[in-house]
PDB file of N, CA and C in Angstrom:
ATOM      1  N   MET A   1     -64.144  13.600 -36.485  1.00  0.00           N
ATOM      2  CA  MET A   1     -65.418  12.940 -36.559  1.00  0.00           C
ATOM      3  C   MET A   1     -65.418  11.883 -37.658  1.00  0.00           C
ATOM      4  N   PHE A   2     -64.929  12.280 -38.841  1.00  0.00           N
ATOM      5  CA  PHE A   2     -64.942  11.366 -39.976  1.00  0.00           C
ATOM      6  C   PHE A   2     -64.077  10.144 -39.698  1.00  0.00           C
ATOM      7  N   GLY A   3     -62.907  10.334 -39.064  1.00  0.00           N
ATOM      8  CA  GLY A   3     -62.002   9.225 -38.755  1.00  0.00           C
ATOM      9  C   GLY A   3     -62.619   8.251 -37.755  1.00  0.00           C
ATOM     10  N   LYS A   4     -63.312   8.801 -36.773  1.00  0.00           N
ATOM     11  CA  LYS A   4     -63.948   7.946 -35.766  1.00  0.00           C
ATOM     12  C   LYS A   4     -65.065   7.121 -36.382  1.00  0.00           C
ATOM     13  N   ASN A   5     -65.883   7.729 -37.229  1.00  0.00           N
ATOM     14  CA  ASN A   5     -66.964   6.999 -37.890  1.00  0.00           C
ATOM     15  C   ASN A   5     -66.405   5.913 -38.803  1.00  0.00           C
ATOM     16  N   LEU A   6     -65.357   6.257 -39.530  1.00  0.00           N
ATOM     17  CA  LEU A   6     -64.738   5.285 -40.424  1.00  0.00           C
ATOM     18  C   LEU A   6     -64.169   4.118 -39.621  1.00  0.00           C
ATOM     19  N   PHE A   7     -63.502   4.420 -38.516  1.00  0.00           N
ATOM     20  CA  PHE A   7     -62.932   3.387 -37.664  1.00  0.00           C
ATOM     21  C   PHE A   7     -64.027   2.486 -37.101  1.00  0.00           C
ATOM     22  N   ASP A   8     -65.110   3.073 -36.611  1.00  0.00           N
ATOM     23  CA  ASP A   8     -66.230   2.290 -36.068  1.00  0.00           C
ATOM     24  C   ASP A   8     -66.859   1.405 -37.139  1.00  0.00           C
ATOM     25  N   GLU A   9     -67.001   1.943 -38.342  1.00  0.00           N
ATOM     26  CA  GLU A   9     -67.597   1.186 -39.434  1.00  0.00           C
ATOM     27  C   GLU A   9     -66.704   0.009 -39.841  1.00  0.00           C
ATOM     28  N   VAL A  10     -65.409   0.248 -39.947  1.00  0.00           N
ATOM     29  CA  VAL A  10     -64.478  -0.819 -40.307  1.00  0.00           C
ATOM     30  C   VAL A  10     -64.463  -1.882 -39.215  1.00  0.00           C
ATOM     31  N   THR A  11     -64.455  -1.471 -37.962  1.00  0.00           N
ATOM     32  CA  THR A  11     -64.465  -2.406 -36.842  1.00  0.00           C
ATOM     33  C   THR A  11     -65.721  -3.266 -36.863  1.00  0.00           C
ATOM     34  N   SER A  12     -66.850  -2.667 -37.103  1.00  0.00           N
ATOM     35  CA  SER A  12     -68.100  -3.427 -37.135  1.00  0.00           C
ATOM     36  C   SER A  12     -68.126  -4.383 -38.324  1.00  0.00           C
ATOM     37  N   LYS A  13     -67.604  -3.960 -39.466  1.00  0.00           N
ATOM     38  CA  LYS A  13     -67.555  -4.842 -40.647  1.00  0.00           C
ATOM     39  C   LYS A  13     -66.633  -6.039 -40.388  1.00  0.00           C
ATOM     40  N   ILE A  14     -65.492  -5.795 -39.766  1.00  0.00           N
ATOM     41  CA  ILE A  14     -64.559  -6.880 -39.457  1.00  0.00           C
ATOM     42  C   ILE A  14     -65.194  -7.845 -38.466  1.00  0.00           C
ATOM     43  N   SER A  15     -65.824  -7.324 -37.445  1.00  0.00           N
ATOM     44  CA  SER A  15     -66.492  -8.177 -36.451  1.00  0.00           C
ATOM     45  C   SER A  15     -67.602  -9.003 -37.102  1.00  0.00           C
ATOM     46  N   GLU A  16     -68.358  -8.388 -37.974  1.00  0.00           N
ATOM     47  CA  GLU A  16     -69.435  -9.085 -38.670  1.00  0.00           C
ATOM     48  C   GLU A  16     -68.876 -10.174 -39.588  1.00  0.00           C
ATOM     49  N   THR A  17     -67.781  -9.876 -40.271  1.00  0.00           N
ATOM     50  CA  THR A  17     -67.164 -10.853 -41.165  1.00  0.00           C
ATOM     51  C   THR A  17     -66.632 -12.048 -40.385  1.00  0.00           C
ATOM     52  N   ILE A  18     -65.988 -11.788 -39.267  1.00  0.00           N
ATOM     53  CA  ILE A  18     -65.459 -12.873 -38.438  1.00  0.00           C
ATOM     54  C   ILE A  18     -66.590 -13.712 -37.868  1.00  0.00           C
ATOM     55  N   ALA A  19     -67.666 -13.059 -37.447  1.00  0.00           N
ATOM     56  CA  ALA A  19     -68.799 -13.787 -36.865  1.00  0.00           C
ATOM     57  C   ALA A  19     -69.457 -14.699 -37.892  1.00  0.00           C
ATOM     58  N   ASN A  20     -69.445 -14.304 -39.163  1.00  0.00           N
ATOM     59  CA  ASN A  20     -70.094 -15.087 -40.211  1.00  0.00           C
ATOM     60  C   ASN A  20     -69.124 -16.013 -40.945  1.00  0.00           C
ATOM     61  N   SER A  21     -67.874 -16.007 -40.555  1.00  0.00           N
ATOM     62  CA  SER A  21     -66.878 -16.807 -41.277  1.00  0.00           C
ATOM     63  C   SER A  21     -66.859 -18.251 -40.771  1.00  0.00           C
ATOM     64  N   PRO A  22     -66.296 -19.155 -41.572  1.00  0.00           N
ATOM     65  CA  PRO A  22     -66.157 -20.550 -41.134  1.00  0.00           C
ATOM     66  C   PRO A  22     -65.240 -20.685 -39.916  1.00  0.00           C
ATOM     67  N   ALA A  23     -64.363 -19.720 -39.698  1.00  0.00           N
ATOM     68  CA  ALA A  23     -63.461 -19.779 -38.543  1.00  0.00           C
ATOM     69  C   ALA A  23     -64.259 -19.807 -37.243  1.00  0.00           C
ATOM     70  N   LYS A  24     -65.338 -19.090 -37.183  1.00  0.00           N
ATOM     71  CA  LYS A  24     -66.183 -19.073 -35.987  1.00  0.00           C
ATOM     72  C   LYS A  24     -66.813 -20.445 -35.759  1.00  0.00           C
ATOM     73  N   ASP A  25     -67.261 -21.085 -36.837  1.00  0.00           N
ATOM     74  CA  ASP A  25     -67.823 -22.432 -36.727  1.00  0.00           C
ATOM     75  C   ASP A  25     -66.771 -23.435 -36.283  1.00  0.00           C
ATOM     76  N   VAL A  26     -65.569 -23.311 -36.817  1.00  0.00           N
ATOM     77  CA  VAL A  26     -64.482 -24.210 -36.436  1.00  0.00           C
ATOM     78  C   VAL A  26     -64.174 -24.039 -34.958  1.00  0.00           C
ATOM     79  N   GLU A  27     -64.129 -22.797 -34.504  1.00  0.00           N
ATOM     80  CA  GLU A  27     -63.856 -22.524 -33.085  1.00  0.00           C
ATOM     81  C   GLU A  27     -64.928 -23.161 -32.206  1.00  0.00           C
ATOM     82  N   LYS A  28     -66.191 -23.020 -32.592  1.00  0.00           N
ATOM     83  CA  LYS A  28     -67.287 -23.614 -31.817  1.00  0.00           C
ATOM     84  C   LYS A  28     -67.154 -25.133 -31.780  1.00  0.00           C
ATOM     85  N   ASN A  29     -66.850 -25.729 -32.942  1.00  0.00           N
ATOM     86  CA  ASN A  29     -66.725 -27.186 -33.015  1.00  0.00           C
ATOM     87  C   ASN A  29     -65.560 -27.701 -32.180  1.00  0.00           C
ATOM     88  N   VAL A  30     -64.442 -27.007 -32.215  1.00  0.00           N
ATOM     89  CA  VAL A  30     -63.280 -27.421 -31.425  1.00  0.00           C
ATOM     90  C   VAL A  30     -63.590 -27.318 -29.940  1.00  0.00           C
ATOM     91  N   LYS A  31     -64.224 -26.235 -29.544  1.00  0.00           N
ATOM     92  CA  LYS A  31     -64.598 -26.076 -28.131  1.00  0.00           C
ATOM     93  C   LYS A  31     -65.557 -27.188 -27.701  1.00  0.00           C
ATOM     94  N   ALA A  32     -66.500 -27.526 -28.548  1.00  0.00           N
ATOM     95  CA  ALA A  32     -67.465 -28.583 -28.213  1.00  0.00           C
ATOM     96  C   ALA A  32     -66.760 -29.934 -28.100  1.00  0.00           C
ATOM     97  N   MET A  33     -65.835 -30.215 -29.024  1.00  0.00           N
ATOM     98  CA  MET A  33     -65.109 -31.489 -28.972  1.00  0.00           C
ATOM     99  C   MET A  33     -64.244 -31.568 -27.727  1.00  0.00           C
ATOM    100  N   LEU A  34     -63.543 -30.495 -27.403  1.00  0.00           N
ATOM    101  CA  LEU A  34     -62.703 -30.491 -26.200  1.00  0.00           C
ATOM    102  C   LEU A  34     -63.556 -30.615 -24.943  1.00  0.00           C
ATOM    103  N   GLY A  35     -64.662 -29.909 -24.910  1.00  0.00           N
ATOM    104  CA  GLY A  35     -65.560 -30.007 -23.756  1.00  0.00           C
ATOM    105  C   GLY A  35     -66.085 -31.412 -23.576  1.00  0.00           C
ATOM    106  N   SER A  36     -66.429 -32.058 -24.666  1.00  0.00           N
ATOM    107  CA  SER A  36     -66.908 -33.438 -24.603  1.00  0.00           C
ATOM    108  C   SER A  36     -65.811 -34.381 -24.126  1.00  0.00           C
ATOM    109  N   ALA A  37     -64.603 -34.207 -24.658  1.00  0.00           N
ATOM    110  CA  ALA A  37     -63.480 -35.068 -24.254  1.00  0.00           C
ATOM    111  C   ALA A  37     -63.155 -34.871 -22.775  1.00  0.00           C
ATOM    112  N   PHE A  38     -63.149 -33.630 -22.313  1.00  0.00           N
ATOM    113  CA  PHE A  38     -62.831 -33.352 -20.911  1.00  0.00           C
ATOM    114  C   PHE A  38     -63.910 -33.888 -19.982  1.00  0.00           C
ATOM    115  N   SER A  39     -65.165 -33.842 -20.417  1.00  0.00           N
ATOM    116  CA  SER A  39     -66.236 -34.340 -19.546  1.00  0.00           C
ATOM    117  C   SER A  39     -66.169 -35.860 -19.390  1.00  0.00           C
ATOM    118  N   ARG A  40     -65.639 -36.562 -20.393  1.00  0.00           N
ATOM    119  CA  ARG A  40     -65.495 -38.017 -20.289  1.00  0.00           C
ATOM    120  C   ARG A  40     -64.313 -38.405 -19.408  1.00  0.00           C
ATOM    121  N   MET A  41     -63.346 -37.516 -19.275  1.00  0.00           N
ATOM    122  CA  MET A  41     -62.180 -37.799 -18.432  1.00  0.00           C
ATOM    123  C   MET A  41     -62.538 -37.541 -16.981  1.00  0.00           C
ATOM    124  N   ASP A  42     -61.830 -38.191 -16.102  1.00  0.00           N
ATOM    125  CA  ASP A  42     -62.062 -38.009 -14.673  1.00  0.00           C
ATOM    126  C   ASP A  42     -61.122 -36.918 -14.173  1.00  0.00           C
ATOM    127  N   LEU A  43     -61.462 -35.667 -14.481  1.00  0.00           N
ATOM    128  CA  LEU A  43     -60.608 -34.533 -14.137  1.00  0.00           C
ATOM    129  C   LEU A  43     -61.188 -33.753 -12.961  1.00  0.00           C
ATOM    130  N   VAL A  44     -60.307 -33.095 -12.233  1.00  0.00           N
ATOM    131  CA  VAL A  44     -60.730 -32.208 -11.157  1.00  0.00           C
ATOM    132  C   VAL A  44     -60.163 -30.828 -11.433  1.00  0.00           C
ATOM    133  N   THR A  45     -60.794 -29.840 -10.839  1.00  0.00           N
ATOM    134  CA  THR A  45     -60.286 -28.483 -11.009  1.00  0.00           C
ATOM    135  C   THR A  45     -59.055 -28.278 -10.133  1.00  0.00           C
ATOM    136  N   ARG A  46     -58.312 -27.254 -10.423  1.00  0.00           N
ATOM    137  CA  ARG A  46     -57.126 -26.928  -9.638  1.00  0.00           C
ATOM    138  C   ARG A  46     -57.532 -26.640  -8.193  1.00  0.00           C
ATOM    139  N   GLU A  47     -58.649 -25.961  -8.013  1.00  0.00           N
ATOM    140  CA  GLU A  47     -59.130 -25.636  -6.668  1.00  0.00           C
ATOM    141  C   GLU A  47     -59.435 -26.904  -5.871  1.00  0.00           C
ATOM    142  N   GLU A  48     -60.127 -27.853  -6.508  1.00  0.00           N
ATOM    143  CA  GLU A  48     -60.437 -29.117  -5.827  1.00  0.00           C
ATOM    144  C   GLU A  48     -59.160 -29.880  -5.471  1.00  0.00           C
ATOM    145  N   PHE A  49     -58.196 -29.870  -6.385  1.00  0.00           N
ATOM    146  CA  PHE A  49     -56.927 -30.551  -6.147  1.00  0.00           C
ATOM    147  C   PHE A  49     -56.200 -29.928  -4.957  1.00  0.00           C
ATOM    148  N   ASP A  50     -56.136 -28.601  -4.916  1.00  0.00           N
ATOM    149  CA  ASP A  50     -55.449 -27.921  -3.813  1.00  0.00           C
ATOM    150  C   ASP A  50     -56.134 -28.186  -2.478  1.00  0.00           C
ATOM    151  N   ILE A  51     -57.453 -28.226  -2.470  1.00  0.00           N
ATOM    152  CA  ILE A  51     -58.190 -28.511  -1.235  1.00  0.00           C
ATOM    153  C   ILE A  51     -57.868 -29.919  -0.749  1.00  0.00           C
ATOM    154  N   GLN A  52     -57.905 -30.892  -1.657  1.00  0.00           N
ATOM    155  CA  GLN A  52     -57.602 -32.264  -1.268  1.00  0.00           C
ATOM    156  C   GLN A  52     -56.155 -32.419  -0.816  1.00  0.00           C
ATOM    157  N   GLN A  53     -55.269 -31.656  -1.409  1.00  0.00           N
ATOM    158  CA  GLN A  53     -53.862 -31.685  -1.005  1.00  0.00           C
ATOM    159  C   GLN A  53     -53.715 -31.183   0.435  1.00  0.00           C
ATOM    160  N   GLN A  54     -54.410 -30.125   0.788  1.00  0.00           N
ATOM    161  CA  GLN A  54     -54.368 -29.603   2.148  1.00  0.00           C
ATOM    162  C   GLN A  54     -54.979 -30.590   3.135  1.00  0.00           C
ATOM    163  N   VAL A  55     -56.064 -31.245   2.740  1.00  0.00           N
ATOM    164  CA  VAL A  55     -56.684 -32.264   3.604  1.00  0.00           C
ATOM    165  C   VAL A  55     -55.701 -33.394   3.857  1.00  0.00           C
ATOM    166  N   LEU A  56     -55.002 -33.823   2.815  1.00  0.00           N
ATOM    167  CA  LEU A  56     -54.026 -34.896   2.951  1.00  0.00           C
ATOM    168  C   LEU A  56     -52.878 -34.487   3.882  1.00  0.00           C
ATOM    169  N   ILE A  57     -52.394 -33.282   3.761  1.00  0.00           N
ATOM    170  CA  ILE A  57     -51.318 -32.803   4.639  1.00  0.00           C
ATOM    171  C   ILE A  57     -51.792 -32.806   6.096  1.00  0.00           C
ATOM    172  N   LYS A  58     -53.006 -32.315   6.340  1.00  0.00           N
ATOM    173  CA  LYS A  58     -53.541 -32.308   7.703  1.00  0.00           C
ATOM    174  C   LYS A  58     -53.708 -33.727   8.230  1.00  0.00           C
ATOM    175  N   THR A  59     -54.168 -34.641   7.376  1.00  0.00           N
ATOM    176  CA  THR A  59     -54.361 -36.031   7.783  1.00  0.00           C
ATOM    177  C   THR A  59     -53.031 -36.680   8.143  1.00  0.00           C
ATOM    178  N   ARG A  60     -52.015 -36.427   7.334  1.00  0.00           N
ATOM    179  CA  ARG A  60     -50.688 -36.985   7.628  1.00  0.00           C
ATOM    180  C   ARG A  60     -50.137 -36.440   8.938  1.00  0.00           C
ATOM    181  N   THR A  61     -50.345 -35.153   9.174  1.00  0.00           N
ATOM    182  CA  THR A  61     -49.881 -34.543  10.420  1.00  0.00           C
ATOM    183  C   THR A  61     -50.602 -35.169  11.611  1.00  0.00           C
ATOM    184  N   LYS A  62     -51.906 -35.311  11.507  1.00  0.00           N
ATOM    185  CA  LYS A  62     -52.692 -35.908  12.585  1.00  0.00           C
ATOM    186  C   LYS A  62     -52.270 -37.356  12.824  1.00  0.00           C
ATOM    187  N   LEU A  63     -52.001 -38.109  11.758  1.00  0.00           N
ATOM    188  CA  LEU A  63     -51.553 -39.491  11.890  1.00  0.00           C
ATOM    189  C   LEU A  63     -50.214 -39.559  12.627  1.00  0.00           C
ATOM    190  N   SER A  64     -49.300 -38.668  12.280  1.00  0.00           N
ATOM    191  CA  SER A  64     -48.003 -38.640  12.970  1.00  0.00           C
ATOM    192  C   SER A  64     -48.177 -38.348  14.455  1.00  0.00           C
ATOM    193  N   GLU A  65     -49.064 -37.396  14.756  1.00  0.00           N
ATOM    194  CA  GLU A  65     -49.316 -37.055  16.155  1.00  0.00           C
ATOM    195  C   GLU A  65     -49.922 -38.243  16.904  1.00  0.00           C
ATOM    196  N   LEU A  66     -50.869 -38.916  16.290  1.00  0.00           N
ATOM    197  CA  LEU A  66     -51.511 -40.054  16.938  1.00  0.00           C
ATOM    198  C   LEU A  66     -50.539 -41.220  17.119  1.00  0.00           C
ATOM    199  N   GLU A  67     -49.654 -41.447  16.141  1.00  0.00           N
ATOM    200  CA  GLU A  67     -48.652 -42.504  16.279  1.00  0.00           C
ATOM    201  C   GLU A  67     -47.696 -42.198  17.423  1.00  0.00           C
ATOM    202  N   ALA A  68     -47.298 -40.937  17.550  1.00  0.00           N
ATOM    203  CA  ALA A  68     -46.404 -40.549  18.643  1.00  0.00           C
ATOM    204  C   ALA A  68     -47.107 -40.715  19.987  1.00  0.00           C
ATOM    205  N   ARG A  69     -48.367 -40.337  20.036  1.00  0.00           N
ATOM    206  CA  ARG A  69     -49.140 -40.477  21.273  1.00  0.00           C
ATOM    207  C   ARG A  69     -49.310 -41.946  21.646  1.00  0.00           C
ATOM    208  N   LEU A  70     -49.594 -42.793  20.663  1.00  0.00           N
ATOM    209  CA  LEU A  70     -49.740 -44.211  20.903  1.00  0.00           C
ATOM    210  C   LEU A  70     -48.430 -44.822  21.394  1.00  0.00           C
ATOM    211  N   ALA A  71     -47.341 -44.430  20.770  1.00  0.00           N
ATOM    212  CA  ALA A  71     -46.037 -44.947  21.186  1.00  0.00           C
ATOM    213  C   ALA A  71     -45.751 -44.541  22.627  1.00  0.00           C
ATOM    214  N   LYS A  72     -46.116 -43.318  22.989  1.00  0.00           N
ATOM    215  CA  LYS A  72     -45.901 -42.849  24.357  1.00  0.00           C
ATOM    216  C   LYS A  72     -46.775 -43.632  25.337  1.00  0.00           C
ATOM    217  N   LEU A  73     -48.020 -43.878  24.958  1.00  0.00           N
ATOM    218  CA  LEU A  73     -48.921 -44.633  25.830  1.00  0.00           C
ATOM    219  C   LEU A  73     -48.471 -46.085  26.005  1.00  0.00           C
ATOM    220  N   GLU A  74     -47.857 -46.630  24.980  1.00  0.00           N
ATOM    221  CA  GLU A  74     -47.367 -48.000  25.065  1.00  0.00           C
ATOM    222  C   GLU A  74     -46.043 -48.083  25.818  1.00  0.00           C
ATOM    223  N   GLY A  75     -45.506 -46.948  26.167  1.00  0.00           N
ATOM    224  CA  GLY A  75     -44.256 -46.930  26.905  1.00  0.00           C
ATOM    225  C   GLY A  75     -43.025 -46.897  26.017  1.00  0.00           C
ATOM    226  N   ASN A  76     -43.227 -46.847  24.747  1.00  0.00           N
ATOM    227  CA  ASN A  76     -42.118 -46.758  23.806  1.00  0.00           C
ATOM    228  C   ASN A  76     -41.895 -45.280  23.506  1.00  0.00           C
ATOM    229  N   THR A  77     -40.851 -44.706  24.056  1.00  0.00           N
ATOM    230  CA  THR A  77     -40.607 -43.273  23.893  1.00  0.00           C
ATOM    231  C   THR A  77     -39.804 -42.951  22.647  1.00  0.00           C
ATOM    232  N   ALA A  78     -39.351 -43.985  21.921  1.00  0.00           N
ATOM    233  CA  ALA A  78     -38.605 -43.727  20.694  1.00  0.00           C
ATOM    234  C   ALA A  78     -39.568 -43.193  19.638  1.00  0.00           C
ATOM    235  N   PRO A  79     -39.205 -42.111  18.950  1.00  0.00           N
ATOM    236  CA  PRO A  79     -40.088 -41.563  17.923  1.00  0.00           C
ATOM    237  C   PRO A  79     -40.183 -42.498  16.720  1.00  0.00           C
ATOM    238  N   VAL A  80     -41.298 -42.460  16.069  1.00  0.00           N
ATOM    239  CA  VAL A  80     -41.510 -43.274  14.872  1.00  0.00           C
ATOM    240  C   VAL A  80     -40.721 -42.624  13.744  1.00  0.00           C
ATOM    241  N   SER A  81     -39.754 -43.362  13.184  1.00  0.00           N
ATOM    242  CA  SER A  81     -38.874 -42.767  12.182  1.00  0.00           C
ATOM    243  C   SER A  81     -39.249 -43.128  10.759  1.00  0.00           C
ATOM    244  N   ASP A  82     -40.093 -44.129  10.554  1.00  0.00           N
ATOM    245  CA  ASP A  82     -40.405 -44.538   9.189  1.00  0.00           C
ATOM    246  C   ASP A  82     -41.536 -43.736   8.565  1.00  0.00           C
ATOM    247  N   VAL A  83     -42.123 -42.813   9.312  1.00  0.00           N
ATOM    248  CA  VAL A  83     -43.177 -41.968   8.783  1.00  0.00           C
ATOM    249  C   VAL A  83     -42.562 -40.650   8.351  1.00  0.00           C
ATOM    250  N   ALA A  84     -42.739 -40.324   7.076  1.00  0.00           N
ATOM    251  CA  ALA A  84     -42.179 -39.075   6.548  1.00  0.00           C
ATOM    252  C   ALA A  84     -43.027 -37.898   7.002  1.00  0.00           C
ATOM    253  N   GLU A  85     -42.375 -36.798   7.224  1.00  0.00           N
ATOM    254  CA  GLU A  85     -43.081 -35.581   7.583  1.00  0.00           C
ATOM    255  C   GLU A  85     -43.862 -35.090   6.362  1.00  0.00           C
ATOM    256  N   PRO A  86     -45.039 -34.538   6.568  1.00  0.00           N
ATOM    257  CA  PRO A  86     -45.802 -34.033   5.437  1.00  0.00           C
ATOM    258  C   PRO A  86     -45.085 -32.857   4.799  1.00  0.00           C
ATOM    259  N   THR A  87     -45.075 -32.857   3.494  1.00  0.00           N
ATOM    260  CA  THR A  87     -44.429 -31.770   2.769  1.00  0.00           C
ATOM    261  C   THR A  87     -45.387 -31.208   1.750  1.00  0.00           C
ATOM    262  N   VAL A  88     -45.165 -29.981   1.394  1.00  0.00           N
ATOM    263  CA  VAL A  88     -45.952 -29.337   0.345  1.00  0.00           C
ATOM    264  C   VAL A  88     -45.180 -29.506  -0.942  1.00  0.00           C
ATOM    265  N   PRO A  89     -45.804 -30.074  -1.979  1.00  0.00           N
ATOM    266  CA  PRO A  89     -45.087 -30.314  -3.222  1.00  0.00           C
ATOM    267  C   PRO A  89     -44.653 -29.016  -3.886  1.00  0.00           C
ATOM    268  N   SER A  90     -43.561 -29.091  -4.601  1.00  0.00           N
ATOM    269  CA  SER A  90     -43.060 -27.918  -5.301  1.00  0.00           C
ATOM    270  C   SER A  90     -43.894 -27.689  -6.558  1.00  0.00           C
ATOM    271  N   GLU A  91     -43.697 -26.562  -7.211  1.00  0.00           N
ATOM    272  CA  GLU A  91     -44.431 -26.235  -8.427  1.00  0.00           C
ATOM    273  C   GLU A  91     -44.175 -27.264  -9.514  1.00  0.00           C
ATOM    274  N   SER A  92     -42.977 -27.825  -9.580  1.00  0.00           N
ATOM    275  CA  SER A  92     -42.684 -28.797 -10.625  1.00  0.00           C
ATOM    276  C   SER A  92     -43.445 -30.104 -10.401  1.00  0.00           C
ATOM    277  N   ASP A  93     -43.801 -30.422  -9.170  1.00  0.00           N
ATOM    278  CA  ASP A  93     -44.581 -31.626  -8.877  1.00  0.00           C
ATOM    279  C   ASP A  93     -46.050 -31.447  -9.271  1.00  0.00           C
ATOM    280  N   LYS A  94     -46.509 -30.223  -9.348  1.00  0.00           N
ATOM    281  CA  LYS A  94     -47.918 -29.955  -9.625  1.00  0.00           C
ATOM    282  C   LYS A  94     -48.274 -30.129 -11.101  1.00  0.00           C
ATOM    283  N   THR A  95     -47.320 -30.272 -11.967  1.00  0.00           N
ATOM    284  CA  THR A  95     -47.608 -30.392 -13.380  1.00  0.00           C
ATOM    285  C   THR A  95     -48.083 -31.751 -13.793  1.00  0.00           C
ATOM    286  N   GLU A  96     -48.021 -32.733 -12.930  1.00  0.00           N
ATOM    287  CA  GLU A  96     -48.421 -34.089 -13.271  1.00  0.00           C
ATOM    288  C   GLU A  96     -49.896 -34.267 -13.269  1.00  0.00           C
TER     289      GLU A  96
END
């Protein structure tokens, strides 16, 4: 019992000291500065980026299909070779 009370008391004192220390103010200020800097930048979330990446892949696939269909309708049966197949970027490409 005594050890648990002592532990709880020390924990609460440490938490109180940290909450009242200048370190807490510095942390708040740094977070506010970073938040302000990020809001001025034109950034997107990872989720938004992944969604747009999937839309782009679908669009490229549809474009390839339509080009092949158009070539067939025009009587040109040779496949369009200058259009690259859509690819999913590797993890190393996502860091940019």
